Protein backbone atom coordinates (compact mmCIF):
# COMPACT_ATOMS: atom_id res chain seq x y z
CA MET A 1 27.14 84.06 -63.90
CA LYS A 2 29.69 84.06 -61.08
CA ILE A 3 27.05 82.82 -58.65
CA LYS A 4 26.13 80.03 -61.06
CA ASN A 5 29.77 79.01 -61.49
CA SER A 6 30.41 79.07 -57.74
CA LEU A 7 27.29 76.96 -57.14
CA SER A 8 28.42 74.44 -59.76
CA ALA A 9 31.86 74.30 -58.20
CA HIS A 10 30.34 73.77 -54.76
CA LEU A 11 28.12 70.92 -56.01
CA ALA A 12 31.04 69.36 -57.87
CA LYS A 13 33.09 69.47 -54.69
CA LYS A 14 30.30 67.92 -52.64
CA MET A 15 29.65 65.22 -55.24
CA SER A 16 33.25 64.43 -56.08
CA GLY A 17 35.19 61.21 -55.73
CA PRO A 18 33.65 58.22 -53.96
CA THR A 19 30.19 59.82 -53.70
CA ILE A 20 29.89 59.91 -57.49
CA VAL A 21 30.96 56.26 -57.71
CA TYR A 22 28.31 55.23 -55.20
CA LEU A 23 25.57 57.28 -56.85
CA VAL A 24 26.38 55.83 -60.27
CA PHE A 25 26.26 52.35 -58.75
CA ILE A 26 22.86 53.06 -57.17
CA VAL A 27 21.50 54.44 -60.46
CA LEU A 28 22.68 51.28 -62.26
CA LEU A 29 20.84 49.21 -59.65
CA GLY A 30 17.67 50.98 -60.76
CA PHE A 31 18.17 49.73 -64.33
CA ALA A 32 19.21 46.20 -63.29
CA PRO A 33 15.83 44.49 -63.94
CA SER A 34 15.75 45.82 -67.52
CA ILE A 35 19.34 44.71 -68.12
CA PHE A 36 18.76 41.20 -66.75
CA SER A 37 15.52 40.93 -68.73
CA LEU A 38 17.38 41.75 -71.96
CA ILE A 39 20.01 39.08 -71.34
CA ASN A 40 17.35 36.66 -70.03
CA GLU A 41 19.07 36.04 -66.68
CA PRO A 42 16.39 36.14 -63.93
CA PHE A 43 18.79 34.46 -61.49
CA TYR A 44 20.83 37.65 -61.23
CA LEU A 45 17.73 39.64 -60.33
CA ASP A 46 17.08 37.24 -57.44
CA LEU A 47 20.71 37.53 -56.37
CA LEU A 48 20.54 41.32 -56.47
CA SER A 49 17.27 41.33 -54.52
CA ARG A 50 18.98 39.31 -51.79
CA ILE A 51 21.91 41.73 -51.78
CA LEU A 52 19.62 44.75 -51.37
CA VAL A 53 17.67 43.14 -48.52
CA LEU A 54 20.89 42.38 -46.68
CA SER A 55 22.13 45.90 -47.47
CA ILE A 56 19.13 47.36 -45.62
CA ALA A 57 19.84 45.09 -42.64
CA ALA A 58 23.57 45.95 -42.67
CA LEU A 59 22.78 49.65 -43.03
CA SER A 60 20.57 49.50 -39.94
CA LEU A 61 23.32 47.72 -38.00
CA ASN A 62 25.90 50.25 -39.17
CA LEU A 63 23.78 53.01 -37.61
CA ILE A 64 24.48 51.64 -34.13
CA LEU A 65 27.81 49.91 -34.81
CA GLY A 66 29.64 52.31 -37.12
CA TYR A 67 28.25 55.59 -35.80
CA GLY A 68 27.31 54.60 -32.26
CA GLY A 69 30.02 52.08 -31.39
CA MET A 70 27.40 49.52 -30.27
CA ILE A 71 28.64 46.13 -31.52
CA SER A 72 25.60 43.85 -31.60
CA LEU A 73 25.74 40.12 -32.26
CA GLY A 74 21.96 39.94 -32.20
CA HIS A 75 20.83 42.01 -35.14
CA ALA A 76 19.70 39.01 -37.16
CA ALA A 77 16.85 38.70 -34.64
CA TYR A 78 15.09 41.62 -36.32
CA LEU A 79 15.35 39.95 -39.72
CA GLY A 80 13.64 36.93 -38.19
CA ILE A 81 10.97 39.02 -36.47
CA GLY A 82 10.14 40.79 -39.74
CA ALA A 83 10.01 37.50 -41.64
CA TYR A 84 7.74 35.86 -39.05
CA CYS A 85 5.46 38.92 -39.18
CA VAL A 86 4.82 37.82 -42.77
CA GLY A 87 4.80 34.05 -42.22
CA ILE A 88 2.56 33.74 -39.15
CA PRO A 89 -0.27 35.94 -40.51
CA ALA A 90 0.05 34.13 -43.86
CA TYR A 91 -0.40 30.84 -41.95
CA TYR A 92 -3.82 32.19 -40.97
CA GLU A 93 -4.42 33.41 -44.54
CA ILE A 94 -3.84 37.07 -43.67
CA TYR A 95 -1.86 38.38 -46.62
CA ASN A 96 -2.35 42.13 -46.23
CA GLY A 97 1.10 43.69 -46.66
CA PHE A 98 0.23 46.76 -44.60
CA VAL A 99 -0.64 44.49 -41.68
CA HIS A 100 2.67 42.65 -42.12
CA LEU A 101 4.65 45.89 -42.15
CA ALA A 102 2.79 47.26 -39.14
CA LEU A 103 3.41 44.08 -37.17
CA ALA A 104 7.09 44.08 -38.11
CA ILE A 105 7.53 47.70 -37.03
CA VAL A 106 5.71 47.16 -33.73
CA PHE A 107 7.33 43.87 -32.71
CA SER A 108 10.86 44.69 -33.88
CA GLY A 109 10.56 48.07 -32.14
CA LEU A 110 9.32 46.47 -28.90
CA PHE A 111 12.04 43.81 -28.96
CA ALA A 112 14.68 46.50 -29.59
CA LEU A 113 13.25 48.64 -26.80
CA PHE A 114 13.18 45.81 -24.26
CA SER A 115 16.57 44.31 -25.16
CA GLY A 116 18.13 47.77 -25.53
CA MET A 117 16.96 48.88 -22.08
CA VAL A 118 18.97 46.01 -20.63
CA SER A 119 21.97 45.74 -22.95
CA LEU A 120 22.70 49.48 -23.18
CA ARG A 121 23.38 49.58 -19.47
CA THR A 122 26.56 47.66 -20.26
CA LYS A 123 29.53 48.28 -22.54
CA GLY A 124 32.11 46.38 -24.54
CA VAL A 125 32.07 42.60 -24.45
CA TYR A 126 29.17 42.58 -21.98
CA PHE A 127 26.98 44.47 -24.47
CA ILE A 128 27.96 42.02 -27.21
CA MET A 129 27.13 38.99 -25.08
CA ILE A 130 23.77 40.35 -23.88
CA THR A 131 22.63 41.11 -27.43
CA LEU A 132 23.70 37.59 -28.37
CA ALA A 133 21.82 36.14 -25.40
CA PHE A 134 18.58 37.94 -26.33
CA THR A 135 18.83 36.68 -29.90
CA GLN A 136 19.43 33.10 -28.80
CA MET A 137 16.43 33.34 -26.46
CA LEU A 138 14.28 34.43 -29.39
CA TYR A 139 15.80 31.76 -31.62
CA PHE A 140 14.95 28.91 -29.25
CA THR A 141 11.50 30.38 -28.62
CA PHE A 142 10.65 30.03 -32.30
CA VAL A 143 12.29 26.60 -32.47
CA SER A 144 9.82 25.46 -29.80
CA LEU A 145 6.76 26.75 -31.71
CA GLU A 146 5.73 23.52 -33.41
CA GLU A 147 2.52 25.15 -34.66
CA TYR A 148 4.62 27.30 -37.00
CA GLY A 149 7.02 24.60 -38.13
CA GLY A 150 9.51 24.78 -35.27
CA ASP A 151 13.04 24.12 -36.47
CA ASP A 152 11.75 22.97 -39.87
CA GLY A 153 10.35 26.38 -40.70
CA LEU A 154 7.23 27.53 -42.46
CA VAL A 155 6.43 27.91 -46.17
CA ILE A 156 4.73 31.15 -47.25
CA GLU A 157 2.20 30.26 -49.94
CA LEU A 158 1.51 33.82 -51.11
CA ARG A 159 3.53 37.00 -50.78
CA SER A 160 2.23 40.10 -49.01
CA GLU A 161 -0.61 41.80 -50.84
CA PHE A 162 -0.98 45.54 -51.34
CA PRO A 163 -4.44 45.77 -52.92
CA SER A 164 -4.73 48.07 -55.95
CA ILE A 165 -1.16 49.32 -55.40
CA LEU A 166 1.51 46.66 -55.90
CA ASP A 167 1.77 43.04 -56.94
CA ILE A 168 4.98 41.77 -55.38
CA GLU A 169 4.31 38.25 -56.66
CA ASN A 170 6.10 39.75 -59.64
CA ASN A 171 9.84 39.53 -58.92
CA THR A 172 10.60 42.83 -60.67
CA THR A 173 7.99 44.66 -58.57
CA LEU A 174 9.39 43.09 -55.41
CA TYR A 175 12.89 44.18 -56.46
CA TYR A 176 11.82 47.79 -56.90
CA CYS A 177 10.03 47.76 -53.54
CA ILE A 178 13.28 46.62 -51.91
CA TYR A 179 15.27 49.14 -53.96
CA LEU A 180 13.08 52.08 -52.94
CA THR A 181 13.14 50.96 -49.31
CA LEU A 182 16.94 50.91 -49.47
CA LEU A 183 16.98 54.45 -50.84
CA GLY A 184 14.60 55.54 -48.10
CA SER A 185 16.82 53.87 -45.49
CA PHE A 186 19.86 55.71 -46.85
CA LEU A 187 17.96 59.00 -46.55
CA ILE A 188 16.83 58.26 -42.98
CA VAL A 189 20.31 57.24 -41.80
CA HIS A 190 21.91 60.22 -43.55
CA ARG A 191 19.47 62.63 -41.90
CA ILE A 192 20.00 61.01 -38.50
CA ILE A 193 23.79 61.10 -38.51
CA ASN A 194 23.85 64.70 -39.72
CA SER A 195 21.31 65.90 -37.16
CA PRO A 196 22.00 67.13 -33.61
CA PHE A 197 20.64 63.77 -32.43
CA GLY A 198 23.19 61.96 -34.58
CA ARG A 199 26.01 64.15 -33.34
CA VAL A 200 25.23 63.06 -29.79
CA ILE A 201 25.32 59.40 -30.90
CA ILE A 202 28.67 59.88 -32.65
CA GLY A 203 30.01 61.92 -29.73
CA SER A 204 28.99 59.17 -27.30
CA LYS A 205 30.96 56.66 -29.32
CA HIS A 206 34.16 58.67 -28.93
CA ASN A 207 33.71 60.11 -25.43
CA GLU A 208 30.47 59.29 -23.66
CA GLU A 209 31.57 60.85 -20.37
CA ARG A 210 32.13 64.21 -22.05
CA MET A 211 28.70 64.11 -23.69
CA GLN A 212 27.14 63.36 -20.31
CA ALA A 213 29.08 66.23 -18.77
CA LEU A 214 27.55 68.50 -21.43
CA GLY A 215 24.12 67.52 -20.12
CA TYR A 216 23.06 64.84 -22.62
CA ASN A 217 21.31 61.70 -21.40
CA THR A 218 23.33 59.42 -23.67
CA TYR A 219 21.46 56.32 -22.52
CA ARG A 220 18.17 57.65 -23.89
CA TYR A 221 19.77 58.83 -27.14
CA LYS A 222 21.40 55.46 -27.71
CA LEU A 223 18.19 53.61 -26.85
CA VAL A 224 16.20 55.60 -29.41
CA CYS A 225 18.91 54.96 -32.01
CA TYR A 226 18.88 51.27 -31.12
CA VAL A 227 15.11 51.06 -31.62
CA ILE A 228 15.29 52.89 -34.98
CA SER A 229 17.98 50.45 -36.11
CA GLY A 230 15.87 47.45 -35.05
CA VAL A 231 12.77 48.75 -36.86
CA ILE A 232 14.66 49.30 -40.13
CA CYS A 233 16.07 45.78 -39.91
CA GLY A 234 12.59 44.42 -39.13
CA ILE A 235 11.29 45.97 -42.36
CA ALA A 236 14.19 44.28 -44.18
CA GLY A 237 12.96 41.03 -42.61
CA VAL A 238 9.51 41.55 -44.19
CA PHE A 239 11.14 41.66 -47.61
CA LEU A 240 13.38 38.71 -46.77
CA GLY A 241 10.35 36.59 -45.86
CA ASN A 242 8.58 37.57 -49.08
CA PHE A 243 11.70 36.98 -51.15
CA THR A 244 12.48 33.51 -49.81
CA SER A 245 8.79 32.49 -49.38
CA PHE A 246 10.09 30.48 -46.42
CA ILE A 247 10.85 31.36 -42.82
CA SER A 248 12.65 29.49 -40.06
CA PRO A 249 14.40 30.23 -36.75
CA GLU A 250 17.69 29.79 -38.62
CA MET A 251 17.22 33.35 -39.92
CA MET A 252 17.88 34.56 -36.36
CA ASP A 253 21.03 32.55 -35.79
CA TRP A 254 23.91 34.61 -34.41
CA THR A 255 26.10 33.63 -37.37
CA HIS A 256 23.90 35.80 -39.60
CA SER A 257 24.52 38.74 -37.27
CA GLY A 258 28.22 38.04 -37.75
CA GLU A 259 27.74 38.10 -41.52
CA LEU A 260 26.10 41.53 -41.28
CA ILE A 261 29.11 42.77 -39.30
CA PHE A 262 31.44 41.38 -41.96
CA MET A 263 29.47 43.22 -44.64
CA ILE A 264 29.95 46.47 -42.76
CA VAL A 265 33.67 45.84 -42.27
CA ILE A 266 34.13 44.90 -45.95
CA GLY A 267 32.28 47.99 -47.15
CA GLY A 268 33.64 50.39 -44.59
CA VAL A 269 32.61 51.05 -41.00
CA ASN A 270 30.69 54.34 -40.50
CA ALA A 271 30.58 54.90 -44.29
CA LEU A 272 27.01 55.59 -45.43
CA PHE A 273 27.22 53.44 -48.58
CA GLY A 274 29.62 50.92 -47.04
CA PRO A 275 26.93 48.34 -46.14
CA LEU A 276 25.67 48.25 -49.74
CA ILE A 277 29.15 47.72 -51.20
CA GLY A 278 30.01 45.27 -48.43
CA ALA A 279 26.85 43.20 -48.96
CA ALA A 280 27.46 43.11 -52.72
CA LEU A 281 31.07 41.95 -52.30
CA PHE A 282 30.14 39.45 -49.58
CA ILE A 283 27.44 37.76 -51.69
CA PHE A 284 29.59 37.93 -54.85
CA PHE A 285 32.51 36.10 -53.23
CA GLU A 286 30.15 33.64 -51.56
CA GLU A 287 28.52 32.73 -54.90
CA TRP A 288 31.78 32.73 -56.87
CA LEU A 289 33.83 30.66 -54.44
CA SER A 290 31.03 28.15 -53.75
CA GLY A 291 30.95 27.46 -57.49
CA ILE A 292 34.66 26.67 -57.52
CA THR A 293 35.11 24.35 -54.55
CA VAL A 294 33.19 22.75 -51.69
CA TYR A 295 35.89 24.13 -49.37
CA TRP A 296 34.99 27.70 -50.26
CA HIS A 297 34.39 28.65 -46.59
CA PHE A 298 38.10 28.26 -45.89
CA ILE A 299 39.13 30.50 -48.81
CA PHE A 300 36.40 33.01 -47.98
CA GLY A 301 37.57 33.14 -44.37
CA LEU A 302 41.15 33.84 -45.47
CA LEU A 303 39.95 36.67 -47.73
CA LEU A 304 38.03 38.24 -44.87
CA ILE A 305 41.05 37.97 -42.54
CA VAL A 306 43.30 39.63 -45.13
CA LEU A 307 40.77 42.41 -45.67
CA VAL A 308 40.36 43.10 -41.96
CA LEU A 309 44.14 43.12 -41.38
CA PHE A 310 45.24 45.12 -44.41
CA GLY A 311 42.17 46.79 -45.91
CA LYS A 312 41.91 49.85 -43.68
CA GLY A 313 38.48 51.38 -44.16
CA GLY A 314 37.26 48.48 -46.31
CA ALA A 315 36.11 49.08 -49.87
CA ASN A 316 35.21 52.66 -49.00
CA GLY A 317 38.77 53.27 -47.81
CA LEU A 318 40.22 51.80 -51.01
CA ILE A 319 37.96 53.93 -53.23
CA THR A 320 38.76 57.07 -51.21
CA ALA A 321 42.50 56.36 -51.41
CA LEU A 322 42.23 55.81 -55.17
CA PHE A 323 40.74 59.25 -55.73
CA LYS A 324 43.29 60.87 -53.41
CA ASN A 325 46.14 59.32 -55.41
CA LYS A 326 44.69 60.76 -58.62
CA LYS A 327 44.87 64.32 -57.30
């Protein structure tokens, strides 16, 4: 009985406060399609699908930015790569979803490997500018591909097909695919940051010279982490392409990388669930303010400035502080 009570107390301690809030929120996301179906509001399901796709992308960026201290202004490139790995095969009437996923993993991984090998040899503002440069190179490459629509983009007639398994032409099925991928991404990132590998990444963020003195090749560790981050974001791009049924080089624009960074800052840097909360708040304010005034960008910018200046730890910091005040 004592063992049972001590185990319950241990679990309660581990699952207390903000963690419970996040888990409840994630569980509610699982019931969202049923709720929106009951109230006959399919628009909200589309909105939530977009939020979850961007959450996966922001989560992948947070792996290198929040935990590794690698501030990339080029992460939107992987969203574009993943989307084009759906659009280009679809242009040739290849709709097999497994092929699309495989292509996205391979090409986003190769781009991350190549760009990471160069950019990770630098630090600070130089790293930021090189990641931006690689993304802009990719952006203008796809702009020049007139065969695939160039700057005008390319319409995807049919979504990826998973024969005898899934039909993601159904919006609810697509939502659950994105939802399960998000959960899997959370699990992967959680396992990484709590592993010896992750400890080296976190240690390199705070004192890379010390980690090198301990015998770790931090360059290789960071490169592997960078590639993992790019692959996860590339998979998010596959879902983004299927969700929008349209792809264009604009998906890779550096401003979208900036939006992913804002989502992380809003939710909480190096907080596991921060990107999800940040993406939800970012899209909510974007939709709400754009419905009020055409000058919503100005108001939205002011809100972001206030949050960055005064919201230490973002939404995660506010939730944590709330539970501390209750004790």
